[in-house]
PDB file of N, CA and C in Angstrom:
ATOM      1  N   MET A   1     115.501 106.051 115.924  1.00  0.00           N
ATOM      2  CA  MET A   1     116.939 105.905 115.956  1.00  0.00           C
ATOM      3  C   MET A   1     117.539 107.306 116.009  1.00  0.00           C
ATOM      4  N   SER A   2     118.487 107.458 116.885  1.00  0.00           N
ATOM      5  CA  SER A   2     119.102 108.779 117.008  1.00  0.00           C
ATOM      6  C   SER A   2     119.996 109.065 115.802  1.00  0.00           C
ATOM      7  N   THR A   3     120.254 110.339 115.600  1.00  0.00           N
ATOM      8  CA  THR A   3     121.120 110.750 114.496  1.00  0.00           C
ATOM      9  C   THR A   3     122.522 110.187 114.670  1.00  0.00           C
ATOM     10  N   ALA A   4     123.000 110.178 115.902  1.00  0.00           N
ATOM     11  CA  ALA A   4     124.342 109.657 116.174  1.00  0.00           C
ATOM     12  C   ALA A   4     124.431 108.172 115.841  1.00  0.00           C
ATOM     13  N   ARG A   5     123.399 107.412 116.209  1.00  0.00           N
ATOM     14  CA  ARG A   5     123.392 105.965 115.919  1.00  0.00           C
ATOM     15  C   ARG A   5     123.325 105.721 114.418  1.00  0.00           C
ATOM     16  N   CYS A   6     122.523 106.488 113.731  1.00  0.00           N
ATOM     17  CA  CYS A   6     122.405 106.366 112.277  1.00  0.00           C
ATOM     18  C   CYS A   6     123.751 106.659 111.611  1.00  0.00           C
ATOM     19  N   ALA A   7     124.395 107.725 112.035  1.00  0.00           N
ATOM     20  CA  ALA A   7     125.702 108.081 111.479  1.00  0.00           C
ATOM     21  C   ALA A   7     126.730 107.000 111.776  1.00  0.00           C
ATOM     22  N   GLN A   8     126.680 106.448 112.978  1.00  0.00           N
ATOM     23  CA  GLN A   8     127.606 105.382 113.357  1.00  0.00           C
ATOM     24  C   GLN A   8     127.435 104.164 112.452  1.00  0.00           C
ATOM     25  N   LEU A   9     126.208 103.770 112.187  1.00  0.00           N
ATOM     26  CA  LEU A   9     125.951 102.610 111.335  1.00  0.00           C
ATOM     27  C   LEU A   9     126.378 102.857 109.892  1.00  0.00           C
ATOM     28  N   ILE A  10     126.141 104.057 109.396  1.00  0.00           N
ATOM     29  CA  ILE A  10     126.548 104.389 108.026  1.00  0.00           C
ATOM     30  C   ILE A  10     128.069 104.383 107.906  1.00  0.00           C
ATOM     31  N   LEU A  11     128.751 104.963 108.887  1.00  0.00           N
ATOM     32  CA  LEU A  11     130.217 104.968 108.861  1.00  0.00           C
ATOM     33  C   LEU A  11     130.790 103.560 109.002  1.00  0.00           C
ATOM     34  N   LEU A  12     130.146 102.731 109.799  1.00  0.00           N
ATOM     35  CA  LEU A  12     130.575 101.346 109.946  1.00  0.00           C
ATOM     36  C   LEU A  12     130.444 100.594 108.621  1.00  0.00           C
ATOM     37  N   ALA A  13     129.331 100.817 107.934  1.00  0.00           N
ATOM     38  CA  ALA A  13     129.133 100.188 106.624  1.00  0.00           C
ATOM     39  C   ALA A  13     130.173 100.681 105.625  1.00  0.00           C
ATOM     40  N   ALA A  14     130.458 101.972 105.638  1.00  0.00           N
ATOM     41  CA  ALA A  14     131.455 102.533 104.720  1.00  0.00           C
ATOM     42  C   ALA A  14     132.851 102.000 105.033  1.00  0.00           C
ATOM     43  N   ALA A  15     133.183 101.882 106.307  1.00  0.00           N
ATOM     44  CA  ALA A  15     134.498 101.373 106.703  1.00  0.00           C
ATOM     45  C   ALA A  15     134.694  99.922 106.279  1.00  0.00           C
ATOM     46  N   ASN A  16     133.597  99.179 106.237  1.00  0.00           N
ATOM     47  CA  ASN A  16     133.658  97.774 105.828  1.00  0.00           C
ATOM     48  C   ASN A  16     133.379  97.588 104.341  1.00  0.00           C
ATOM     49  N   ARG A  17     133.382  98.699 103.613  1.00  0.00           N
ATOM     50  CA  ARG A  17     133.196  98.703 102.158  1.00  0.00           C
ATOM     51  C   ARG A  17     131.907  98.001 101.710  1.00  0.00           C
ATOM     52  N   ILE A  18     130.868  98.221 102.469  1.00  0.00           N
ATOM     53  CA  ILE A  18     129.557  97.682 102.105  1.00  0.00           C
ATOM     54  C   ILE A  18     128.937  98.652 101.108  1.00  0.00           C
ATOM     55  N   ALA A  19     128.607  98.142  99.933  1.00  0.00           N
ATOM     56  CA  ALA A  19     128.121  98.997  98.854  1.00  0.00           C
ATOM     57  C   ALA A  19     126.743  99.586  99.151  1.00  0.00           C
ATOM     58  N   GLU A  20     125.942  98.863  99.884  1.00  0.00           N
ATOM     59  CA  GLU A  20     124.574  99.315 100.140  1.00  0.00           C
ATOM     60  C   GLU A  20     124.163  98.858 101.529  1.00  0.00           C
ATOM     61  N   CYS A  21     123.558  99.756 102.295  1.00  0.00           N
ATOM     62  CA  CYS A  21     123.023  99.350 103.593  1.00  0.00           C
ATOM     63  C   CYS A  21     121.682 100.043 103.804  1.00  0.00           C
ATOM     64  N   TRP A  22     120.771  99.316 104.386  1.00  0.00           N
ATOM     65  CA  TRP A  22     119.446  99.847 104.661  1.00  0.00           C
ATOM     66  C   TRP A  22     119.289  99.915 106.170  1.00  0.00           C
ATOM     67  N   LEU A  23     118.844 101.053 106.665  1.00  0.00           N
ATOM     68  CA  LEU A  23     118.665 101.243 108.095  1.00  0.00           C
ATOM     69  C   LEU A  23     117.183 101.374 108.407  1.00  0.00           C
ATOM     70  N   SER A  24     116.763 100.714 109.473  1.00  0.00           N
ATOM     71  CA  SER A  24     115.370 100.789 109.887  1.00  0.00           C
ATOM     72  C   SER A  24     115.283 100.473 111.372  1.00  0.00           C
ATOM     73  N   GLN A  25     114.346 101.103 112.043  1.00  0.00           N
ATOM     74  CA  GLN A  25     114.134 100.803 113.454  1.00  0.00           C
ATOM     75  C   GLN A  25     113.337  99.519 113.624  1.00  0.00           C
ATOM     76  N   LYS A  26     112.568  99.172 112.632  1.00  0.00           N
ATOM     77  CA  LYS A  26     111.719  97.986 112.716  1.00  0.00           C
ATOM     78  C   LYS A  26     112.089  97.008 111.608  1.00  0.00           C
ATOM     79  N   ALA A  27     112.432  95.800 112.005  1.00  0.00           N
ATOM     80  CA  ALA A  27     112.850  94.782 111.037  1.00  0.00           C
ATOM     81  C   ALA A  27     111.714  94.410 110.090  1.00  0.00           C
ATOM     82  N   SER A  28     110.475  94.437 110.567  1.00  0.00           N
ATOM     83  CA  SER A  28     109.352  94.041 109.717  1.00  0.00           C
ATOM     84  C   SER A  28     109.170  95.002 108.543  1.00  0.00           C
ATOM     85  N   ILE A  29     109.347  96.281 108.771  1.00  0.00           N
ATOM     86  CA  ILE A  29     109.234  97.259 107.689  1.00  0.00           C
ATOM     87  C   ILE A  29     110.404  97.120 106.728  1.00  0.00           C
ATOM     88  N   LEU A  30     111.591  96.894 107.259  1.00  0.00           N
ATOM     89  CA  LEU A  30     112.766  96.702 106.409  1.00  0.00           C
ATOM     90  C   LEU A  30     112.588  95.472 105.523  1.00  0.00           C
ATOM     91  N   LEU A  31     112.082  94.397 106.086  1.00  0.00           N
ATOM     92  CA  LEU A  31     111.828  93.180 105.314  1.00  0.00           C
ATOM     93  C   LEU A  31     110.797  93.436 104.222  1.00  0.00           C
ATOM     94  N   LEU A  32     109.763  94.184 104.545  1.00  0.00           N
ATOM     95  CA  LEU A  32     108.727  94.506 103.566  1.00  0.00           C
ATOM     96  C   LEU A  32     109.292  95.344 102.423  1.00  0.00           C
ATOM     97  N   CYS A  33     110.111  96.323 102.736  1.00  0.00           N
ATOM     98  CA  CYS A  33     110.729  97.157 101.694  1.00  0.00           C
ATOM     99  C   CYS A  33     111.669  96.342 100.820  1.00  0.00           C
ATOM    100  N   TYR A  34     112.462  95.495 101.437  1.00  0.00           N
ATOM    101  CA  TYR A  34     113.416  94.675 100.695  1.00  0.00           C
ATOM    102  C   TYR A  34     112.686  93.682  99.791  1.00  0.00           C
ATOM    103  N   SER A  35     111.647  93.052 100.325  1.00  0.00           N
ATOM    104  CA  SER A  35     110.909  92.077  99.520  1.00  0.00           C
ATOM    105  C   SER A  35     110.138  92.744  98.387  1.00  0.00           C
ATOM    106  N   SER A  36     109.773  94.015  98.553  1.00  0.00           N
ATOM    107  CA  SER A  36     109.062  94.707  97.471  1.00  0.00           C
ATOM    108  C   SER A  36     109.959  94.911  96.255  1.00  0.00           C
ATOM    109  N   LEU A  37     111.269  94.960  96.471  1.00  0.00           N
ATOM    110  CA  LEU A  37     112.197  95.062  95.342  1.00  0.00           C
ATOM    111  C   LEU A  37     112.444  93.710  94.691  1.00  0.00           C
ATOM    112  N   LEU A  38     112.518  92.665  95.504  1.00  0.00           N
ATOM    113  CA  LEU A  38     112.815  91.335  94.980  1.00  0.00           C
ATOM    114  C   LEU A  38     111.589  90.630  94.414  1.00  0.00           C
ATOM    115  N   MET A  39     110.453  90.799  95.091  1.00  0.00           N
ATOM    116  CA  MET A  39     109.226  90.100  94.710  1.00  0.00           C
ATOM    117  C   MET A  39     108.034  91.052  94.769  1.00  0.00           C
ATOM    118  N   PRO A  40     107.932  91.989  93.836  1.00  0.00           N
ATOM    119  CA  PRO A  40     106.876  93.004  93.943  1.00  0.00           C
ATOM    120  C   PRO A  40     105.458  92.430  93.912  1.00  0.00           C
ATOM    121  N   GLY A  41     105.223  91.432  93.104  1.00  0.00           N
ATOM    122  CA  GLY A  41     103.881  90.857  93.019  1.00  0.00           C
ATOM    123  C   GLY A  41     103.448  90.199  94.311  1.00  0.00           C
ATOM    124  N   ILE A  42     104.334  89.406  94.881  1.00  0.00           N
ATOM    125  CA  ILE A  42     104.032  88.722  96.140  1.00  0.00           C
ATOM    126  C   ILE A  42     103.876  89.734  97.267  1.00  0.00           C
ATOM    127  N   THR A  43     104.738  90.740  97.292  1.00  0.00           N
ATOM    128  CA  THR A  43     104.669  91.759  98.339  1.00  0.00           C
ATOM    129  C   THR A  43     103.360  92.538  98.256  1.00  0.00           C
ATOM    130  N   ASN A  44     102.921  92.864  97.047  1.00  0.00           N
ATOM    131  CA  ASN A  44     101.638  93.559  96.901  1.00  0.00           C
ATOM    132  C   ASN A  44     100.498  92.702  97.422  1.00  0.00           C
ATOM    133  N   SER A  45     100.541  91.405  97.178  1.00  0.00           N
ATOM    134  CA  SER A  45      99.511  90.504  97.700  1.00  0.00           C
ATOM    135  C   SER A  45      99.529  90.484  99.225  1.00  0.00           C
ATOM    136  N   ILE A  46     100.722  90.462  99.799  1.00  0.00           N
ATOM    137  CA  ILE A  46     100.851  90.469 101.260  1.00  0.00           C
ATOM    138  C   ILE A  46     100.300  91.766 101.839  1.00  0.00           C
ATOM    139  N   ILE A  47     100.644  92.890 101.221  1.00  0.00           N
ATOM    140  CA  ILE A  47     100.161  94.187 101.699  1.00  0.00           C
ATOM    141  C   ILE A  47      98.638  94.253 101.622  1.00  0.00           C
ATOM    142  N   GLN A  48      98.070  93.739 100.537  1.00  0.00           N
ATOM    143  CA  GLN A  48      96.615  93.751 100.402  1.00  0.00           C
ATOM    144  C   GLN A  48      95.954  92.857 101.438  1.00  0.00           C
ATOM    145  N   SER A  49      96.566  91.706 101.751  1.00  0.00           N
ATOM    146  CA  SER A  49      95.958  90.812 102.735  1.00  0.00           C
ATOM    147  C   SER A  49      96.112  91.354 104.159  1.00  0.00           C
ATOM    148  N   ILE A  50      97.240  91.994 104.447  1.00  0.00           N
ATOM    149  CA  ILE A  50      97.452  92.576 105.776  1.00  0.00           C
ATOM    150  C   ILE A  50      96.619  93.842 105.935  1.00  0.00           C
ATOM    151  N   GLY A  51      96.592  94.646 104.911  1.00  0.00           N
ATOM    152  CA  GLY A  51      95.862  95.903 104.957  1.00  0.00           C
ATOM    153  C   GLY A  51      96.795  97.076 105.169  1.00  0.00           C
ATOM    154  N   LEU A  52      96.516  98.141 104.463  1.00  0.00           N
ATOM    155  CA  LEU A  52      97.363  99.328 104.519  1.00  0.00           C
ATOM    156  C   LEU A  52      97.360  99.969 105.903  1.00  0.00           C
ATOM    157  N   GLU A  53      96.219  99.940 106.588  1.00  0.00           N
ATOM    158  CA  GLU A  53      96.150 100.537 107.928  1.00  0.00           C
ATOM    159  C   GLU A  53      97.047  99.785 108.904  1.00  0.00           C
ATOM    160  N   ARG A  54      97.084  98.472 108.788  1.00  0.00           N
ATOM    161  CA  ARG A  54      97.951  97.677 109.671  1.00  0.00           C
ATOM    162  C   ARG A  54      99.424  97.968 109.382  1.00  0.00           C
ATOM    163  N   ILE A  55      99.767  98.147 108.116  1.00  0.00           N
ATOM    164  CA  ILE A  55     101.139  98.498 107.746  1.00  0.00           C
ATOM    165  C   ILE A  55     101.514  99.837 108.386  1.00  0.00           C
ATOM    166  N   LYS A  56     100.601 100.801 108.333  1.00  0.00           N
ATOM    167  CA  LYS A  56     100.856 102.108 108.953  1.00  0.00           C
ATOM    168  C   LYS A  56     101.042 101.968 110.460  1.00  0.00           C
ATOM    169  N   GLN A  57     100.261 101.084 111.098  1.00  0.00           N
ATOM    170  CA  GLN A  57     100.401 100.863 112.537  1.00  0.00           C
ATOM    171  C   GLN A  57     101.755 100.246 112.862  1.00  0.00           C
ATOM    172  N   ILE A  58     102.212  99.328 112.036  1.00  0.00           N
ATOM    173  CA  ILE A  58     103.520  98.705 112.254  1.00  0.00           C
ATOM    174  C   ILE A  58     104.610  99.760 112.150  1.00  0.00           C
ATOM    175  N   ARG A  59     104.496 100.646 111.153  1.00  0.00           N
ATOM    176  CA  ARG A  59     105.501 101.704 110.964  1.00  0.00           C
ATOM    177  C   ARG A  59     105.591 102.622 112.167  1.00  0.00           C
ATOM    178  N   THR A  60     104.436 103.004 112.708  1.00  0.00           N
ATOM    179  CA  THR A  60     104.428 103.960 113.814  1.00  0.00           C
ATOM    180  C   THR A  60     104.576 103.292 115.173  1.00  0.00           C
ATOM    181  N   GLY A  61     104.490 101.985 115.218  1.00  0.00           N
ATOM    182  CA  GLY A  61     104.630 101.279 116.484  1.00  0.00           C
ATOM    183  C   GLY A  61     103.326 101.138 117.239  1.00  0.00           C
ATOM    184  N   GLY A  62     102.213 101.510 116.615  1.00  0.00           N
ATOM    185  CA  GLY A  62     100.910 101.393 117.253  1.00  0.00           C
ATOM    186  C   GLY A  62     100.403  99.967 117.230  1.00  0.00           C
ATOM    187  N   ARG A  63      99.408  99.712 118.050  1.00  0.00           N
ATOM    188  CA  ARG A  63      98.809  98.375 118.113  1.00  0.00           C
ATOM    189  C   ARG A  63      97.334  98.477 117.771  1.00  0.00           C
ATOM    190  N   SER A  64      96.845  97.423 117.153  1.00  0.00           N
ATOM    191  CA  SER A  64      95.413  97.400 116.847  1.00  0.00           C
ATOM    192  C   SER A  64      94.661  96.887 118.059  1.00  0.00           C
ATOM    193  N   SER A  65      93.438  97.365 118.240  1.00  0.00           N
ATOM    194  CA  SER A  65      92.670  96.943 119.410  1.00  0.00           C
ATOM    195  C   SER A  65      91.636  95.915 119.049  1.00  0.00           C
TER     196      SER A  65
END
């Protein structure tokens, strides 16, 4: 995400008086981060079943072969 786009989204959230906003290029990583706050035990189980290497691939946009 470009710096300009990030700034635009933050200013949009501030203009709409949104107390908290999370920005991410990938919805799957954002969902994982959000669920780790709401359901840490379940999220840890999901991370262990998926595998840390796969999580890293999702973050970087890589694909497993």
